[in-house]
Amino acid sequence: MSVSSESNGKRVGFFTDTSVCIGCKACEVACKEWNMVPEDGLDFTSMSFDNSGGLSADTWRHVAFIEQREPLGFQEPGVGRPGAVDLGMPSFELPGAAAGADERGEFRWLMSSDVCKHCTSAACLDVCPTGALFRTEFDTVVVQEDICNGCGYCVPACPYGVIDRREDDGRAWKCTLCYDRLGDGLEPACAKACPTDSIQFGDLDELRERAEKRVEDLHEAGVSSARLYGEDPSNGVDGAGAFFLLLDEPEVYGLPPDPVVTTRDLPSMWGHAGVAAAALLVGVAATFAGRR
C-alpha cells in the first residue's frame, strides 16, 4: 500500500495479525536493512528459537516465539484467509504426521511481530527535554538522532519498554514507522516484506474495521481466544498507532495487560508540589515573623 506525502488528517499505523505470523523474521531483516540498524541477536540463547530476545535500540521489530503445551482445538493456520501462496519452498512431511494421535504431544506456536506502538498519548514525547522526539504529519512518533542528547528520560517513560539507548553513543532509538518511506509514498519496510500479510499498514480507522472483522471470522471458526490489543482509543495511552490481534492474554506475548501513559498524573503531581512548596514558604515566613 502507498500513502500520500500529505496525511490529509488521516492517521496511519500497523495492524499485526499474529494468527497468520509464521515467524520468518523477514520484518526484522527488512527493518534492519532499510534503516541501517546494527546487527544484534546473533547469540544462541538456548531457551528459544528467538535469537533477538526483544525490542531494543538495535531491534526495532521483534518476532516472539512462544511454544505452548495446549491443544490446537479448532485453530487452523490461515482461517478465513485467501489461499496459500506458493513461496517456492521445498515440500516436506509435517512433523509428527506419521505418528498416531496418541503419540503426538499437543502444542501450538504463538508468534507475534512486536514494534513501537506510536501512542496517541506518548510519554516519551512529554519527557524529552530537547525536542528530539516529535510527532509527524502521519501522527507517528519519531526520534531525531542528531538532536537526542542521550539523557534517557524517554526509556523509563515508555509503558511498553520499547525505546532504548544504544550502548556505543548513548542516544535513544526506536521504530520510526519508516518515516522516510512514508514521505515518498511507500509503505514501511516490515509490512512490505511480510509474506503472509501478518503486518498490515494503512489508515488506522480502516485497519480497526478490518481487525474487528478478522476477530469475528476467527470466533466463528472456533478460535474463541482471539482478541484485539491496543486498538481502543479510550485505553490508557488513548489508543495505539500499532495494534495487534492476539490468540492469548497479552502477558503471554510479553505485553502489559493495561498500559497507562506514565505522564498522566504529572499535572496533579506538579499541583501538589506547588501546594507543598507554598505551605513551606508560609511556614518559614511565620517562623521568622514570630522571632521578630
C-alpha atoms as a PDB file:
ATOM      1  CA  MET A   1       0.000   0.000   0.000  1.00  0.00           C
ATOM      2  CA  SER A   2       1.178   3.507  -0.780  1.00  0.00           C
ATOM      3  CA  VAL A   3       0.476   6.616   1.239  1.00  0.00           C
ATOM      4  CA  SER A   4       0.290  10.218   0.145  1.00  0.00           C
ATOM      5  CA  SER A   5       3.071  12.542   1.214  1.00  0.00           C
ATOM      6  CA  GLU A   6       0.326  14.577   2.866  1.00  0.00           C
ATOM      7  CA  SER A   7      -1.510  12.978   5.773  1.00  0.00           C
ATOM      8  CA  ASN A   8      -4.833  14.681   4.908  1.00  0.00           C
ATOM      9  CA  GLY A   9      -5.733  14.466   8.584  1.00  0.00           C
ATOM     10  CA  LYS A  10      -5.778  10.645   8.470  1.00  0.00           C
ATOM     11  CA  ARG A  11      -3.630   8.705  10.869  1.00  0.00           C
ATOM     12  CA  VAL A  12      -1.671   5.708   9.583  1.00  0.00           C
ATOM     13  CA  GLY A  13      -0.358   2.755  11.516  1.00  0.00           C
ATOM     14  CA  PHE A  14       0.084  -1.006  11.808  1.00  0.00           C
ATOM     15  CA  PHE A  15      -2.326  -3.885  12.400  1.00  0.00           C
ATOM     16  CA  THR A  16      -0.405  -7.067  13.206  1.00  0.00           C
ATOM     17  CA  ASP A  17      -2.462 -10.240  12.828  1.00  0.00           C
ATOM     18  CA  THR A  18      -0.500 -12.776  14.871  1.00  0.00           C
ATOM     19  CA  SER A  19      -2.770 -15.637  13.781  1.00  0.00           C
ATOM     20  CA  VAL A  20      -1.031 -15.739  10.389  1.00  0.00           C
ATOM     21  CA  CYS A  21       2.523 -14.926  11.521  1.00  0.00           C
ATOM     22  CA  ILE A  22       4.913 -17.766  10.555  1.00  0.00           C
ATOM     23  CA  GLY A  23       7.938 -16.444  12.463  1.00  0.00           C
ATOM     24  CA  CYS A  24      10.056 -15.968   9.346  1.00  0.00           C
ATOM     25  CA  LYS A  25      11.583 -12.728  10.734  1.00  0.00           C
ATOM     26  CA  ALA A  26      11.512 -11.110   7.282  1.00  0.00           C
ATOM     27  CA  CYS A  27      10.195  -7.983   9.016  1.00  0.00           C
ATOM     28  CA  GLU A  28      13.215  -7.872  11.334  1.00  0.00           C
ATOM     29  CA  VAL A  29      15.633  -8.214   8.440  1.00  0.00           C
ATOM     30  CA  ALA A  30      13.835  -5.666   6.247  1.00  0.00           C
ATOM     31  CA  CYS A  31      13.738  -3.161   9.106  1.00  0.00           C
ATOM     32  CA  LYS A  32      17.451  -3.517   9.757  1.00  0.00           C
ATOM     33  CA  GLU A  33      18.400  -3.293   6.083  1.00  0.00           C
ATOM     34  CA  TRP A  34      16.297  -0.239   5.262  1.00  0.00           C
ATOM     35  CA  ASN A  35      17.067   1.711   8.442  1.00  0.00           C
ATOM     36  CA  MET A  36      20.701   0.548   8.663  1.00  0.00           C
ATOM     37  CA  VAL A  37      20.152  -0.767  12.192  1.00  0.00           C
ATOM     38  CA  PRO A  38      23.275  -2.510  13.586  1.00  0.00           C
ATOM     39  CA  GLU A  39      23.261  -6.289  13.810  1.00  0.00           C
ATOM     40  CA  ASP A  40      22.435  -7.909  17.123  1.00  0.00           C
ATOM     41  CA  GLY A  41      20.839 -11.051  18.474  1.00  0.00           C
ATOM     42  CA  LEU A  42      23.401 -13.392  16.960  1.00  0.00           C
ATOM     43  CA  ASP A  43      23.927 -15.290  20.217  1.00  0.00           C
ATOM     44  CA  PHE A  44      22.308 -18.663  20.859  1.00  0.00           C
ATOM     45  CA  THR A  45      20.045 -18.224  23.900  1.00  0.00           C
ATOM     46  CA  SER A  46      19.401 -21.992  24.353  1.00  0.00           C
ATOM     47  CA  MET A  47      15.869 -21.114  25.527  1.00  0.00           C
ATOM     48  CA  SER A  48      14.048 -20.354  22.283  1.00  0.00           C
ATOM     49  CA  PHE A  49      14.314 -20.108  18.518  1.00  0.00           C
ATOM     50  CA  ASP A  50      14.048 -16.360  19.109  1.00  0.00           C
ATOM     51  CA  ASN A  51      17.601 -15.032  18.790  1.00  0.00           C
ATOM     52  CA  SER A  52      16.895 -11.309  19.234  1.00  0.00           C
ATOM     53  CA  GLY A  53      15.078 -11.565  22.577  1.00  0.00           C
ATOM     54  CA  GLY A  54      13.086  -8.333  22.480  1.00  0.00           C
ATOM     55  CA  LEU A  55      12.837  -4.779  21.223  1.00  0.00           C
ATOM     56  CA  SER A  56      15.900  -2.613  21.745  1.00  0.00           C
ATOM     57  CA  ALA A  57      17.872   0.235  20.208  1.00  0.00           C
ATOM     58  CA  ASP A  58      19.206  -2.290  17.690  1.00  0.00           C
ATOM     59  CA  THR A  59      15.994  -4.294  17.182  1.00  0.00           C
ATOM     60  CA  TRP A  60      13.025  -2.174  16.096  1.00  0.00           C
ATOM     61  CA  ARG A  61      10.919  -5.176  15.044  1.00  0.00           C
ATOM     62  CA  HIS A  62      10.978  -8.306  17.185  1.00  0.00           C
ATOM     63  CA  VAL A  63       9.270 -11.614  16.407  1.00  0.00           C
ATOM     64  CA  ALA A  64       8.403 -13.541  19.551  1.00  0.00           C
ATOM     65  CA  PHE A  65       8.325 -17.376  19.565  1.00  0.00           C
ATOM     66  CA  ILE A  66       6.052 -18.830  22.240  1.00  0.00           C
ATOM     67  CA  GLU A  67       5.517 -22.588  22.493  1.00  0.00           C
ATOM     68  CA  GLN A  68       2.526 -23.721  24.495  1.00  0.00           C
ATOM     69  CA  ARG A  69       1.555 -27.213  25.585  1.00  0.00           C
ATOM     70  CA  GLU A  70      -2.064 -26.692  24.675  1.00  0.00           C
ATOM     71  CA  PRO A  71      -4.473 -28.440  22.302  1.00  0.00           C
ATOM     72  CA  LEU A  72      -4.934 -26.798  18.961  1.00  0.00           C
ATOM     73  CA  GLY A  73      -8.699 -27.170  19.207  1.00  0.00           C
ATOM     74  CA  PHE A  74     -10.331 -25.683  16.143  1.00  0.00           C
ATOM     75  CA  GLN A  75      -7.420 -23.369  15.444  1.00  0.00           C
ATOM     76  CA  GLU A  76      -6.200 -23.712  11.881  1.00  0.00           C
ATOM     77  CA  PRO A  77      -3.487 -21.565  10.300  1.00  0.00           C
ATOM     78  CA  GLY A  78      -4.925 -19.006   7.926  1.00  0.00           C
ATOM     79  CA  VAL A  79      -8.580 -19.385   8.953  1.00  0.00           C
ATOM     80  CA  GLY A  80     -10.642 -17.096   6.798  1.00  0.00           C
ATOM     81  CA  ARG A  81      -7.648 -16.025   4.713  1.00  0.00           C
ATOM     82  CA  PRO A  82      -7.084 -16.308   0.955  1.00  0.00           C
ATOM     83  CA  GLY A  83      -5.483 -19.471  -0.417  1.00  0.00           C
ATOM     84  CA  ALA A  84      -1.877 -20.281   0.411  1.00  0.00           C
ATOM     85  CA  VAL A  85       0.825 -18.613  -1.653  1.00  0.00           C
ATOM     86  CA  ASP A  86       3.489 -20.808  -3.217  1.00  0.00           C
ATOM     87  CA  LEU A  87       6.797 -19.404  -1.979  1.00  0.00           C
ATOM     88  CA  GLY A  88       8.852 -21.930  -3.937  1.00  0.00           C
ATOM     89  CA  MET A  89       9.994 -23.713  -0.804  1.00  0.00           C
ATOM     90  CA  PRO A  90      10.704 -27.478  -0.870  1.00  0.00           C
ATOM     91  CA  SER A  91       7.839 -29.595   0.422  1.00  0.00           C
ATOM     92  CA  PHE A  92       8.168 -31.992   3.331  1.00  0.00           C
ATOM     93  CA  GLU A  93       6.009 -34.107   5.582  1.00  0.00           C
ATOM     94  CA  LEU A  94       4.653 -32.305   8.618  1.00  0.00           C
ATOM     95  CA  PRO A  95       6.494 -33.209  11.833  1.00  0.00           C
ATOM     96  CA  GLY A  96       4.618 -35.898  13.709  1.00  0.00           C
ATOM     97  CA  ALA A  97       2.270 -36.641  10.816  1.00  0.00           C
ATOM     98  CA  ALA A  98       3.401 -40.274  10.692  1.00  0.00           C
ATOM     99  CA  ALA A  99       2.774 -40.816  14.405  1.00  0.00           C
ATOM    100  CA  GLY A 100      -0.576 -41.739  15.834  1.00  0.00           C
ATOM    101  CA  ALA A 101      -2.770 -39.222  17.607  1.00  0.00           C
ATOM    102  CA  ASP A 102      -1.985 -40.801  20.976  1.00  0.00           C
ATOM    103  CA  GLU A 103       1.758 -40.431  20.418  1.00  0.00           C
ATOM    104  CA  ARG A 104       1.744 -36.794  19.417  1.00  0.00           C
ATOM    105  CA  GLY A 105       2.051 -34.113  22.084  1.00  0.00           C
ATOM    106  CA  GLU A 106      -0.442 -31.301  21.783  1.00  0.00           C
ATOM    107  CA  PHE A 107       1.188 -27.912  21.460  1.00  0.00           C
ATOM    108  CA  ARG A 108       0.950 -24.731  19.462  1.00  0.00           C
ATOM    109  CA  TRP A 109       3.280 -21.937  18.453  1.00  0.00           C
ATOM    110  CA  LEU A 110       2.282 -18.343  19.091  1.00  0.00           C
ATOM    111  CA  MET A 111       4.300 -15.902  17.013  1.00  0.00           C
ATOM    112  CA  SER A 112       3.996 -12.144  17.015  1.00  0.00           C
ATOM    113  CA  SER A 113       5.999  -9.315  15.492  1.00  0.00           C
ATOM    114  CA  ASP A 114       6.240  -6.567  18.106  1.00  0.00           C
ATOM    115  CA  VAL A 115       7.036  -2.919  17.380  1.00  0.00           C
ATOM    116  CA  CYS A 116       6.758   0.602  18.854  1.00  0.00           C
ATOM    117  CA  LYS A 117       3.092   1.403  19.477  1.00  0.00           C
ATOM    118  CA  HIS A 118       3.274   5.084  18.357  1.00  0.00           C
ATOM    119  CA  CYS A 119       0.899   6.000  21.181  1.00  0.00           C
ATOM    120  CA  THR A 120      -1.686   8.757  20.897  1.00  0.00           C
ATOM    121  CA  SER A 121      -0.568   9.991  24.328  1.00  0.00           C
ATOM    122  CA  ALA A 122       3.161   9.319  24.144  1.00  0.00           C
ATOM    123  CA  ALA A 123       5.020   9.743  27.427  1.00  0.00           C
ATOM    124  CA  CYS A 124       8.366   9.711  25.613  1.00  0.00           C
ATOM    125  CA  LEU A 125       7.317  12.938  23.894  1.00  0.00           C
ATOM    126  CA  ASP A 126       6.250  14.508  27.188  1.00  0.00           C
ATOM    127  CA  VAL A 127       9.566  13.966  28.955  1.00  0.00           C
ATOM    128  CA  CYS A 128      12.036  14.704  26.127  1.00  0.00           C
ATOM    129  CA  PRO A 129      13.891  17.933  27.098  1.00  0.00           C
ATOM    130  CA  THR A 130      15.476  18.616  23.694  1.00  0.00           C
ATOM    131  CA  GLY A 131      12.602  18.056  21.280  1.00  0.00           C
ATOM    132  CA  ALA A 132      14.416  15.096  19.750  1.00  0.00           C
ATOM    133  CA  LEU A 133      11.135  13.182  19.814  1.00  0.00           C
ATOM    134  CA  PHE A 134       8.408  14.666  17.652  1.00  0.00           C
ATOM    135  CA  ARG A 135       5.018  13.742  16.174  1.00  0.00           C
ATOM    136  CA  THR A 136       4.944  13.617  12.401  1.00  0.00           C
ATOM    137  CA  GLU A 137       2.233  14.659   9.959  1.00  0.00           C
ATOM    138  CA  PHE A 138       1.248  10.968   9.856  1.00  0.00           C
ATOM    139  CA  ASP A 139       0.636  11.025  13.647  1.00  0.00           C
ATOM    140  CA  THR A 140       3.608   8.758  14.294  1.00  0.00           C
ATOM    141  CA  VAL A 141       6.386   9.335  16.846  1.00  0.00           C
ATOM    142  CA  VAL A 142       9.980   9.661  15.620  1.00  0.00           C
ATOM    143  CA  VAL A 143      13.366  10.237  17.292  1.00  0.00           C
ATOM    144  CA  GLN A 144      15.730  12.744  15.669  1.00  0.00           C
ATOM    145  CA  GLU A 145      19.074  11.190  16.480  1.00  0.00           C
ATOM    146  CA  ASP A 146      21.009  14.390  15.700  1.00  0.00           C
ATOM    147  CA  ILE A 147      19.105  16.240  18.466  1.00  0.00           C
ATOM    148  CA  CYS A 148      18.988  13.466  21.081  1.00  0.00           C
ATOM    149  CA  ASN A 149      21.419  14.185  23.938  1.00  0.00           C
ATOM    150  CA  GLY A 150      21.209  10.698  25.443  1.00  0.00           C
ATOM    151  CA  CYS A 151      19.542  11.784  28.696  1.00  0.00           C
ATOM    152  CA  GLY A 152      17.474   8.590  28.716  1.00  0.00           C
ATOM    153  CA  TYR A 153      14.323  10.137  30.221  1.00  0.00           C
ATOM    154  CA  CYS A 154      12.228   8.543  27.475  1.00  0.00           C
ATOM    155  CA  VAL A 155      13.358   4.995  28.329  1.00  0.00           C
ATOM    156  CA  PRO A 156      11.516   4.573  31.669  1.00  0.00           C
ATOM    157  CA  ALA A 157       8.666   6.791  30.435  1.00  0.00           C
ATOM    158  CA  CYS A 158       7.531   4.245  27.815  1.00  0.00           C
ATOM    159  CA  PRO A 159       4.842   1.959  29.319  1.00  0.00           C
ATOM    160  CA  TYR A 160       5.740  -0.765  26.801  1.00  0.00           C
ATOM    161  CA  GLY A 161       9.505  -0.739  27.340  1.00  0.00           C
ATOM    162  CA  VAL A 162      10.072  -0.072  23.633  1.00  0.00           C
ATOM    163  CA  ILE A 163      12.538   2.799  23.423  1.00  0.00           C
ATOM    164  CA  ASP A 164      16.160   2.091  24.320  1.00  0.00           C
ATOM    165  CA  ARG A 165      19.595   3.721  24.248  1.00  0.00           C
ATOM    166  CA  ARG A 166      22.390   2.400  22.068  1.00  0.00           C
ATOM    167  CA  GLU A 167      25.488   1.386  24.008  1.00  0.00           C
ATOM    168  CA  ASP A 168      28.076   2.977  21.720  1.00  0.00           C
ATOM    169  CA  ASP A 169      26.646   6.517  21.615  1.00  0.00           C
ATOM    170  CA  GLY A 170      24.021   6.583  24.388  1.00  0.00           C
ATOM    171  CA  ARG A 171      21.312   8.025  22.136  1.00  0.00           C
ATOM    172  CA  ALA A 172      17.736   6.730  22.047  1.00  0.00           C
ATOM    173  CA  TRP A 173      16.492   4.709  19.078  1.00  0.00           C
ATOM    174  CA  LYS A 174      13.218   3.030  18.091  1.00  0.00           C
ATOM    175  CA  CYS A 175      10.890   2.341  15.162  1.00  0.00           C
ATOM    176  CA  THR A 176      10.173   5.402  13.010  1.00  0.00           C
ATOM    177  CA  LEU A 177       7.408   3.627  11.070  1.00  0.00           C
ATOM    178  CA  CYS A 178       9.769   4.248   8.133  1.00  0.00           C
ATOM    179  CA  TYR A 179       9.068   7.979   8.130  1.00  0.00           C
ATOM    180  CA  ASP A 180      11.306   8.488   5.113  1.00  0.00           C
ATOM    181  CA  ARG A 181       9.394   5.879   3.107  1.00  0.00           C
ATOM    182  CA  LEU A 182       6.025   7.393   4.021  1.00  0.00           C
ATOM    183  CA  GLY A 183       7.174  10.740   2.673  1.00  0.00           C
ATOM    184  CA  ASP A 184       7.873   9.066  -0.686  1.00  0.00           C
ATOM    185  CA  GLY A 185       4.515   7.291  -0.801  1.00  0.00           C
ATOM    186  CA  LEU A 186       5.879   3.870   0.213  1.00  0.00           C
ATOM    187  CA  GLU A 187       4.707   1.510   2.934  1.00  0.00           C
ATOM    188  CA  PRO A 188       7.090   0.620   5.793  1.00  0.00           C
ATOM    189  CA  ALA A 189       9.760  -1.953   5.003  1.00  0.00           C
ATOM    190  CA  CYS A 190       8.485  -4.545   7.500  1.00  0.00           C
ATOM    191  CA  ALA A 191       4.963  -4.560   6.048  1.00  0.00           C
ATOM    192  CA  LYS A 192       6.359  -4.692   2.520  1.00  0.00           C
ATOM    193  CA  ALA A 193       8.483  -7.745   3.366  1.00  0.00           C
ATOM    194  CA  CYS A 194       5.844  -9.734   5.304  1.00  0.00           C
ATOM    195  CA  PRO A 195       4.955 -12.776   3.145  1.00  0.00           C
ATOM    196  CA  THR A 196       1.691 -13.656   4.930  1.00  0.00           C
ATOM    197  CA  ASP A 197       0.306 -10.121   5.327  1.00  0.00           C
ATOM    198  CA  SER A 198       0.509 -10.535   9.088  1.00  0.00           C
ATOM    199  CA  ILE A 199       1.764  -6.927   9.263  1.00  0.00           C
ATOM    200  CA  GLN A 200      -0.769  -4.649   7.604  1.00  0.00           C
ATOM    201  CA  PHE A 201      -0.191  -0.928   7.080  1.00  0.00           C
ATOM    202  CA  GLY A 202      -2.709   1.771   6.234  1.00  0.00           C
ATOM    203  CA  ASP A 203      -5.287   4.222   7.506  1.00  0.00           C
ATOM    204  CA  LEU A 204      -5.774   3.453  11.187  1.00  0.00           C
ATOM    205  CA  ASP A 205      -9.579   3.653  11.149  1.00  0.00           C
ATOM    206  CA  GLU A 206      -9.746   1.249   8.216  1.00  0.00           C
ATOM    207  CA  LEU A 207      -7.327  -1.119   9.945  1.00  0.00           C
ATOM    208  CA  ARG A 208      -9.518  -1.175  13.062  1.00  0.00           C
ATOM    209  CA  GLU A 209     -12.566  -2.118  10.991  1.00  0.00           C
ATOM    210  CA  ARG A 210     -10.571  -4.837   9.240  1.00  0.00           C
ATOM    211  CA  ALA A 211      -9.275  -6.157  12.568  1.00  0.00           C
ATOM    212  CA  GLU A 212     -12.751  -6.354  14.104  1.00  0.00           C
ATOM    213  CA  LYS A 213     -13.988  -8.325  11.093  1.00  0.00           C
ATOM    214  CA  ARG A 214     -10.994 -10.668  11.383  1.00  0.00           C
ATOM    215  CA  VAL A 215     -11.767 -11.364  15.051  1.00  0.00           C
ATOM    216  CA  GLU A 216     -15.387 -12.124  14.160  1.00  0.00           C
ATOM    217  CA  ASP A 217     -14.235 -14.595  11.486  1.00  0.00           C
ATOM    218  CA  LEU A 218     -11.897 -16.333  13.930  1.00  0.00           C
ATOM    219  CA  HIS A 219     -14.605 -16.595  16.594  1.00  0.00           C
ATOM    220  CA  GLU A 220     -16.995 -18.121  14.041  1.00  0.00           C
ATOM    221  CA  ALA A 221     -14.247 -20.591  13.097  1.00  0.00           C
ATOM    222  CA  GLY A 222     -13.948 -21.696  16.735  1.00  0.00           C
ATOM    223  CA  VAL A 223     -10.875 -19.678  17.761  1.00  0.00           C
ATOM    224  CA  SER A 224     -12.512 -18.142  20.822  1.00  0.00           C
ATOM    225  CA  SER A 225      -9.208 -16.888  22.261  1.00  0.00           C
ATOM    226  CA  ALA A 226      -8.746 -14.276  19.503  1.00  0.00           C
ATOM    227  CA  ARG A 227      -8.836 -10.711  20.793  1.00  0.00           C
ATOM    228  CA  LEU A 228      -7.522  -7.250  19.845  1.00  0.00           C
ATOM    229  CA  TYR A 229      -4.866  -5.420  21.832  1.00  0.00           C
ATOM    230  CA  GLY A 230      -4.162  -1.679  21.680  1.00  0.00           C
ATOM    231  CA  GLU A 231      -6.909  -0.731  19.230  1.00  0.00           C
ATOM    232  CA  ASP A 232      -9.209   1.021  21.744  1.00  0.00           C
ATOM    233  CA  PRO A 233      -8.902   4.850  21.535  1.00  0.00           C
ATOM    234  CA  SER A 234     -10.070   5.076  25.152  1.00  0.00           C
ATOM    235  CA  ASN A 235      -7.345   2.864  26.640  1.00  0.00           C
ATOM    236  CA  GLY A 236      -4.511   4.002  28.902  1.00  0.00           C
ATOM    237  CA  VAL A 237      -2.498   5.557  26.053  1.00  0.00           C
ATOM    238  CA  ASP A 238      -5.602   6.891  24.231  1.00  0.00           C
ATOM    239  CA  GLY A 239      -5.140   4.316  21.508  1.00  0.00           C
ATOM    240  CA  ALA A 240      -2.051   2.928  19.812  1.00  0.00           C
ATOM    241  CA  GLY A 241      -0.876   3.531  16.273  1.00  0.00           C
ATOM    242  CA  ALA A 242       0.242  -0.112  16.160  1.00  0.00           C
ATOM    243  CA  PHE A 243      -2.198  -2.692  17.493  1.00  0.00           C
ATOM    244  CA  PHE A 244      -2.430  -6.481  17.441  1.00  0.00           C
ATOM    245  CA  LEU A 245      -4.700  -9.476  17.111  1.00  0.00           C
ATOM    246  CA  LEU A 246      -3.624 -11.949  19.804  1.00  0.00           C
ATOM    247  CA  LEU A 247      -4.545 -15.571  20.447  1.00  0.00           C
ATOM    248  CA  ASP A 248      -3.862 -15.452  24.191  1.00  0.00           C
ATOM    249  CA  GLU A 249      -3.501 -12.981  27.053  1.00  0.00           C
ATOM    250  CA  PRO A 250      -1.151 -10.026  26.391  1.00  0.00           C
ATOM    251  CA  GLU A 251       1.194 -11.172  29.172  1.00  0.00           C
ATOM    252  CA  VAL A 252       1.918 -14.364  27.229  1.00  0.00           C
ATOM    253  CA  TYR A 253       3.420 -12.213  24.472  1.00  0.00           C
ATOM    254  CA  GLY A 254       5.331 -10.033  26.942  1.00  0.00           C
ATOM    255  CA  LEU A 255       2.881  -7.136  26.589  1.00  0.00           C
ATOM    256  CA  PRO A 256       1.494  -5.178  29.569  1.00  0.00           C
ATOM    257  CA  PRO A 257      -2.190  -6.040  30.099  1.00  0.00           C
ATOM    258  CA  ASP A 258      -3.315  -2.497  30.888  1.00  0.00           C
ATOM    259  CA  PRO A 259      -0.675   0.062  29.843  1.00  0.00           C
ATOM    260  CA  VAL A 260      -1.112   3.641  31.021  1.00  0.00           C
ATOM    261  CA  VAL A 261       0.811   6.689  29.822  1.00  0.00           C
ATOM    262  CA  THR A 262       3.336   7.264  32.590  1.00  0.00           C
ATOM    263  CA  THR A 263       2.988  11.060  32.486  1.00  0.00           C
ATOM    264  CA  ARG A 264      -0.766  11.003  33.036  1.00  0.00           C
ATOM    265  CA  ASP A 265      -0.531  12.247  36.623  1.00  0.00           C
ATOM    266  CA  LEU A 266       2.182  14.866  36.038  1.00  0.00           C
ATOM    267  CA  PRO A 267      -0.200  17.892  36.161  1.00  0.00           C
ATOM    268  CA  SER A 268      -1.673  16.844  39.510  1.00  0.00           C
ATOM    269  CA  MET A 269       1.795  15.992  40.830  1.00  0.00           C
ATOM    270  CA  TRP A 270       3.063  19.452  39.967  1.00  0.00           C
ATOM    271  CA  GLY A 271      -0.054  20.904  41.573  1.00  0.00           C
ATOM    272  CA  HIS A 272       0.577  19.006  44.817  1.00  0.00           C
ATOM    273  CA  ALA A 273       4.244  20.019  44.722  1.00  0.00           C
ATOM    274  CA  GLY A 274       3.230  23.657  44.297  1.00  0.00           C
ATOM    275  CA  VAL A 275       0.860  23.492  47.264  1.00  0.00           C
ATOM    276  CA  ALA A 276       3.552  21.864  49.395  1.00  0.00           C
ATOM    277  CA  ALA A 277       6.113  24.498  48.393  1.00  0.00           C
ATOM    278  CA  ALA A 278       3.661  27.294  49.192  1.00  0.00           C
ATOM    279  CA  ALA A 279       2.902  25.777  52.589  1.00  0.00           C
ATOM    280  CA  LEU A 280       6.635  25.511  53.289  1.00  0.00           C
ATOM    281  CA  LEU A 281       7.205  29.162  52.421  1.00  0.00           C
ATOM    282  CA  VAL A 282       4.301  30.227  54.623  1.00  0.00           C
ATOM    283  CA  GLY A 283       5.740  28.194  57.488  1.00  0.00           C
ATOM    284  CA  VAL A 284       9.214  29.713  57.062  1.00  0.00           C
ATOM    285  CA  ALA A 285       7.752  33.225  56.889  1.00  0.00           C
ATOM    286  CA  ALA A 286       5.702  32.607  60.010  1.00  0.00           C
ATOM    287  CA  THR A 287       8.809  31.351  61.847  1.00  0.00           C
ATOM    288  CA  PHE A 288      10.820  34.469  61.032  1.00  0.00           C
ATOM    289  CA  ALA A 289       7.860  36.704  61.900  1.00  0.00           C
ATOM    290  CA  GLY A 290       7.496  35.026  65.292  1.00  0.00           C
ATOM    291  CA  ARG A 291      11.187  35.577  66.104  1.00  0.00           C
ATOM    292  CA  ARG A 292      10.879  39.276  65.349  1.00  0.00           C
END
